[in-house]
């Protein structure tokens, strides 16, 4: 492996140790729930999920799970999301 690649790997490790460097703008994922698979997306600071609970409440276990997984990499969320997430 050449020295250029070694330097890039070291930089990648350093970035990964500082997740606050990474801020998602948008993405789409599927979440395999207990009863069904749901499409969850994040765009312009807003969550969306195709489950019925999200349609009624504007948040759900699928979006809250992703908030837990992604942590500080997401921009500050709207106040409607409970702080216990």
N, C-alpha and C. Protein backbone atom coordinates (compact mmCIF):
# COMPACT_ATOMS: atom_id res chain seq x y z
N UNK A 1 0.85 -1.17 0.00
CA UNK A 1 0.00 0.00 0.00
C UNK A 1 0.89 1.24 0.00
N UNK A 2 0.54 2.21 -0.84
CA UNK A 2 1.38 3.40 -0.93
C UNK A 2 1.09 4.39 0.19
N UNK A 3 2.02 5.31 0.40
CA UNK A 3 1.92 6.26 1.52
C UNK A 3 0.71 7.18 1.39
N UNK A 4 0.33 7.49 0.16
CA UNK A 4 -0.86 8.32 -0.05
C UNK A 4 -2.11 7.66 0.49
N UNK A 5 -2.27 6.37 0.23
CA UNK A 5 -3.43 5.62 0.72
C UNK A 5 -3.39 5.49 2.23
N UNK A 6 -2.22 5.28 2.79
CA UNK A 6 -2.09 5.18 4.25
C UNK A 6 -2.54 6.48 4.91
N UNK A 7 -2.15 7.59 4.33
CA UNK A 7 -2.57 8.90 4.86
C UNK A 7 -4.08 9.07 4.80
N UNK A 8 -4.71 8.63 3.72
CA UNK A 8 -6.16 8.73 3.57
C UNK A 8 -6.89 7.84 4.58
N UNK A 9 -6.37 6.67 4.82
CA UNK A 9 -6.97 5.77 5.81
C UNK A 9 -6.88 6.38 7.20
N UNK A 10 -5.75 6.96 7.54
CA UNK A 10 -5.59 7.61 8.84
C UNK A 10 -6.55 8.79 8.99
N UNK A 11 -6.71 9.57 7.93
CA UNK A 11 -7.64 10.70 7.96
C UNK A 11 -9.07 10.19 8.13
N UNK A 12 -9.43 9.12 7.43
CA UNK A 12 -10.78 8.55 7.54
C UNK A 12 -11.05 8.09 8.97
N UNK A 13 -10.09 7.48 9.61
CA UNK A 13 -10.25 7.05 11.01
C UNK A 13 -10.46 8.25 11.91
N UNK A 14 -9.71 9.32 11.68
CA UNK A 14 -9.85 10.52 12.49
C UNK A 14 -11.24 11.14 12.30
N UNK A 15 -11.70 11.21 11.06
CA UNK A 15 -13.05 11.73 10.79
C UNK A 15 -14.11 10.88 11.47
N UNK A 16 -13.96 9.56 11.42
CA UNK A 16 -14.94 8.66 12.01
C UNK A 16 -15.00 8.82 13.53
N UNK A 17 -13.91 9.21 14.15
CA UNK A 17 -13.87 9.43 15.59
C UNK A 17 -14.50 10.77 15.98
N UNK A 18 -14.81 11.60 15.00
CA UNK A 18 -15.40 12.91 15.23
C UNK A 18 -16.70 13.01 14.43
N UNK A 19 -17.74 12.29 14.83
CA UNK A 19 -18.95 12.24 14.02
C UNK A 19 -19.65 13.58 13.86
N UNK A 20 -19.31 14.57 14.70
CA UNK A 20 -19.92 15.88 14.52
C UNK A 20 -19.45 16.56 13.24
N UNK A 21 -18.45 16.01 12.58
CA UNK A 21 -18.00 16.52 11.27
C UNK A 21 -19.00 16.18 10.17
N UNK A 22 -19.83 15.16 10.43
CA UNK A 22 -20.73 14.63 9.41
C UNK A 22 -22.15 15.09 9.71
N UNK A 23 -22.79 15.76 8.76
CA UNK A 23 -24.17 16.21 8.91
C UNK A 23 -24.95 15.75 7.67
N UNK A 24 -25.95 14.93 7.90
CA UNK A 24 -26.77 14.44 6.80
C UNK A 24 -27.69 15.54 6.30
N UNK A 25 -27.80 15.67 4.99
CA UNK A 25 -28.73 16.59 4.37
C UNK A 25 -30.01 15.86 3.96
N UNK A 26 -29.82 14.66 3.37
CA UNK A 26 -30.98 13.85 3.03
C UNK A 26 -30.56 12.41 2.79
N UNK A 27 -31.49 11.50 3.03
CA UNK A 27 -31.26 10.09 2.77
C UNK A 27 -32.58 9.34 2.84
N UNK A 28 -32.59 8.13 2.30
CA UNK A 28 -33.73 7.22 2.38
C UNK A 28 -33.22 5.87 2.82
N UNK A 29 -33.94 5.25 3.75
CA UNK A 29 -33.58 3.92 4.23
C UNK A 29 -34.85 3.11 4.43
N UNK A 30 -34.69 1.81 4.53
CA UNK A 30 -35.80 0.97 4.95
C UNK A 30 -35.50 0.48 6.36
N UNK A 31 -36.53 0.42 7.16
CA UNK A 31 -36.43 -0.07 8.52
C UNK A 31 -37.33 -1.30 8.61
N UNK A 32 -36.74 -2.42 8.98
CA UNK A 32 -37.50 -3.65 9.14
C UNK A 32 -38.14 -3.67 10.51
N UNK A 33 -39.40 -3.28 10.57
CA UNK A 33 -40.13 -3.24 11.83
C UNK A 33 -40.62 -4.62 12.23
N UNK A 34 -41.31 -4.67 13.35
CA UNK A 34 -41.85 -5.94 13.83
C UNK A 34 -42.93 -6.50 12.91
N UNK A 35 -43.69 -5.61 12.26
CA UNK A 35 -44.83 -6.05 11.47
C UNK A 35 -44.68 -5.79 9.97
N UNK A 36 -43.79 -4.92 9.60
CA UNK A 36 -43.66 -4.55 8.20
C UNK A 36 -42.32 -3.83 7.99
N UNK A 37 -41.96 -3.63 6.75
CA UNK A 37 -40.78 -2.84 6.40
C UNK A 37 -41.26 -1.46 5.99
N UNK A 38 -40.61 -0.43 6.52
CA UNK A 38 -41.04 0.94 6.26
C UNK A 38 -39.95 1.76 5.59
N UNK A 39 -40.38 2.63 4.70
CA UNK A 39 -39.47 3.56 4.03
C UNK A 39 -39.41 4.83 4.87
N UNK A 40 -38.22 5.17 5.32
CA UNK A 40 -38.00 6.37 6.13
C UNK A 40 -37.05 7.28 5.36
N UNK A 41 -37.38 8.56 5.33
CA UNK A 41 -36.50 9.50 4.65
C UNK A 41 -36.27 10.72 5.52
N UNK A 42 -35.19 11.42 5.22
CA UNK A 42 -34.81 12.64 5.90
C UNK A 42 -34.39 13.62 4.82
N UNK A 43 -35.03 14.77 4.79
CA UNK A 43 -34.71 15.77 3.78
C UNK A 43 -34.99 17.16 4.33
N UNK A 44 -34.05 18.06 4.16
CA UNK A 44 -34.18 19.45 4.62
C UNK A 44 -34.60 19.54 6.09
N UNK A 45 -34.01 18.67 6.92
CA UNK A 45 -34.27 18.71 8.34
C UNK A 45 -35.59 18.10 8.78
N UNK A 46 -36.30 17.43 7.87
CA UNK A 46 -37.60 16.86 8.18
C UNK A 46 -37.60 15.35 7.93
N UNK A 47 -38.24 14.62 8.84
CA UNK A 47 -38.40 13.18 8.71
C UNK A 47 -39.68 12.86 7.96
N UNK A 48 -39.69 11.70 7.34
CA UNK A 48 -40.90 11.14 6.75
C UNK A 48 -40.83 9.63 6.89
N UNK A 49 -41.98 9.01 7.18
CA UNK A 49 -42.06 7.56 7.26
C UNK A 49 -43.40 7.14 6.69
N UNK A 50 -43.44 6.00 6.03
CA UNK A 50 -44.69 5.57 5.41
C UNK A 50 -45.61 4.80 6.37
N UNK A 51 -45.28 4.76 7.66
CA UNK A 51 -46.15 4.05 8.61
C UNK A 51 -47.33 4.93 9.03
N UNK A 52 -48.38 4.27 9.49
CA UNK A 52 -49.58 4.98 9.91
C UNK A 52 -49.38 5.89 11.11
N UNK A 53 -48.54 5.47 12.06
CA UNK A 53 -48.30 6.28 13.25
C UNK A 53 -47.67 7.61 12.88
N UNK A 54 -46.70 7.58 11.96
CA UNK A 54 -46.05 8.83 11.54
C UNK A 54 -47.07 9.75 10.88
N UNK A 55 -47.97 9.18 10.08
CA UNK A 55 -48.99 9.99 9.40
C UNK A 55 -49.86 10.76 10.40
N UNK A 56 -50.09 10.16 11.56
CA UNK A 56 -50.92 10.79 12.58
C UNK A 56 -50.14 11.72 13.50
N UNK A 57 -48.90 11.37 13.83
CA UNK A 57 -48.16 12.09 14.87
C UNK A 57 -46.95 12.88 14.39
N UNK A 58 -46.45 12.59 13.20
CA UNK A 58 -45.27 13.30 12.70
C UNK A 58 -43.95 12.76 13.22
N UNK A 59 -44.00 11.65 13.95
CA UNK A 59 -42.82 10.92 14.36
C UNK A 59 -43.26 9.50 14.67
N UNK A 60 -42.31 8.61 14.76
CA UNK A 60 -42.63 7.20 15.00
C UNK A 60 -41.39 6.47 15.51
N UNK A 61 -41.57 5.22 15.85
CA UNK A 61 -40.44 4.44 16.36
C UNK A 61 -39.35 4.30 15.31
N UNK A 62 -39.70 4.31 14.04
CA UNK A 62 -38.72 4.15 12.97
C UNK A 62 -37.82 5.38 12.86
N UNK A 63 -38.43 6.57 12.89
CA UNK A 63 -37.63 7.80 12.82
C UNK A 63 -36.82 8.00 14.11
N UNK A 64 -37.42 7.67 15.26
CA UNK A 64 -36.70 7.83 16.52
C UNK A 64 -35.52 6.86 16.61
N UNK A 65 -35.68 5.66 16.06
CA UNK A 65 -34.57 4.70 16.06
C UNK A 65 -33.41 5.25 15.23
N UNK A 66 -33.71 5.84 14.09
CA UNK A 66 -32.64 6.41 13.26
C UNK A 66 -31.97 7.59 13.95
N UNK A 67 -32.73 8.39 14.67
CA UNK A 67 -32.12 9.49 15.43
C UNK A 67 -31.12 8.95 16.45
N UNK A 68 -31.47 7.85 17.09
CA UNK A 68 -30.55 7.24 18.06
C UNK A 68 -29.30 6.72 17.37
N UNK A 69 -29.47 6.09 16.24
CA UNK A 69 -28.32 5.51 15.51
C UNK A 69 -27.41 6.61 14.98
N UNK A 70 -27.98 7.66 14.43
CA UNK A 70 -27.19 8.70 13.77
C UNK A 70 -26.71 9.79 14.72
N UNK A 71 -27.36 9.95 15.85
CA UNK A 71 -26.92 10.88 16.89
C UNK A 71 -26.53 12.26 16.40
N UNK A 72 -25.32 12.67 16.71
CA UNK A 72 -24.87 14.03 16.44
C UNK A 72 -24.67 14.34 14.96
N UNK A 73 -24.79 13.35 14.11
CA UNK A 73 -24.60 13.60 12.68
C UNK A 73 -25.80 14.28 12.04
N UNK A 74 -26.94 14.31 12.75
CA UNK A 74 -28.13 14.98 12.24
C UNK A 74 -28.14 16.42 12.71
N UNK A 75 -28.65 17.34 11.89
CA UNK A 75 -28.79 18.71 12.37
C UNK A 75 -29.80 18.75 13.50
N UNK A 76 -29.81 19.82 14.26
CA UNK A 76 -30.75 19.96 15.37
C UNK A 76 -32.17 19.74 14.86
N UNK A 77 -32.92 18.91 15.58
CA UNK A 77 -34.26 18.55 15.15
C UNK A 77 -35.28 19.51 15.73
N UNK A 78 -36.46 19.53 15.11
CA UNK A 78 -37.54 20.38 15.59
C UNK A 78 -37.96 19.99 17.00
N UNK A 79 -38.56 20.89 17.71
CA UNK A 79 -38.89 20.69 19.12
C UNK A 79 -39.98 19.66 19.34
N UNK A 80 -40.72 19.24 18.32
CA UNK A 80 -41.81 18.28 18.48
C UNK A 80 -41.30 16.90 18.87
N UNK A 81 -40.03 16.64 18.64
CA UNK A 81 -39.48 15.33 18.95
C UNK A 81 -39.15 15.29 20.45
N UNK A 82 -39.66 14.30 21.17
CA UNK A 82 -39.39 14.23 22.61
C UNK A 82 -37.90 14.11 22.91
N UNK A 83 -37.47 14.73 23.98
CA UNK A 83 -36.05 14.71 24.34
C UNK A 83 -35.59 13.35 24.86
N UNK A 84 -36.52 12.43 25.11
CA UNK A 84 -36.15 11.11 25.58
C UNK A 84 -35.70 10.20 24.46
N UNK A 85 -35.69 10.72 23.23
CA UNK A 85 -35.31 9.90 22.08
C UNK A 85 -33.90 9.45 22.20
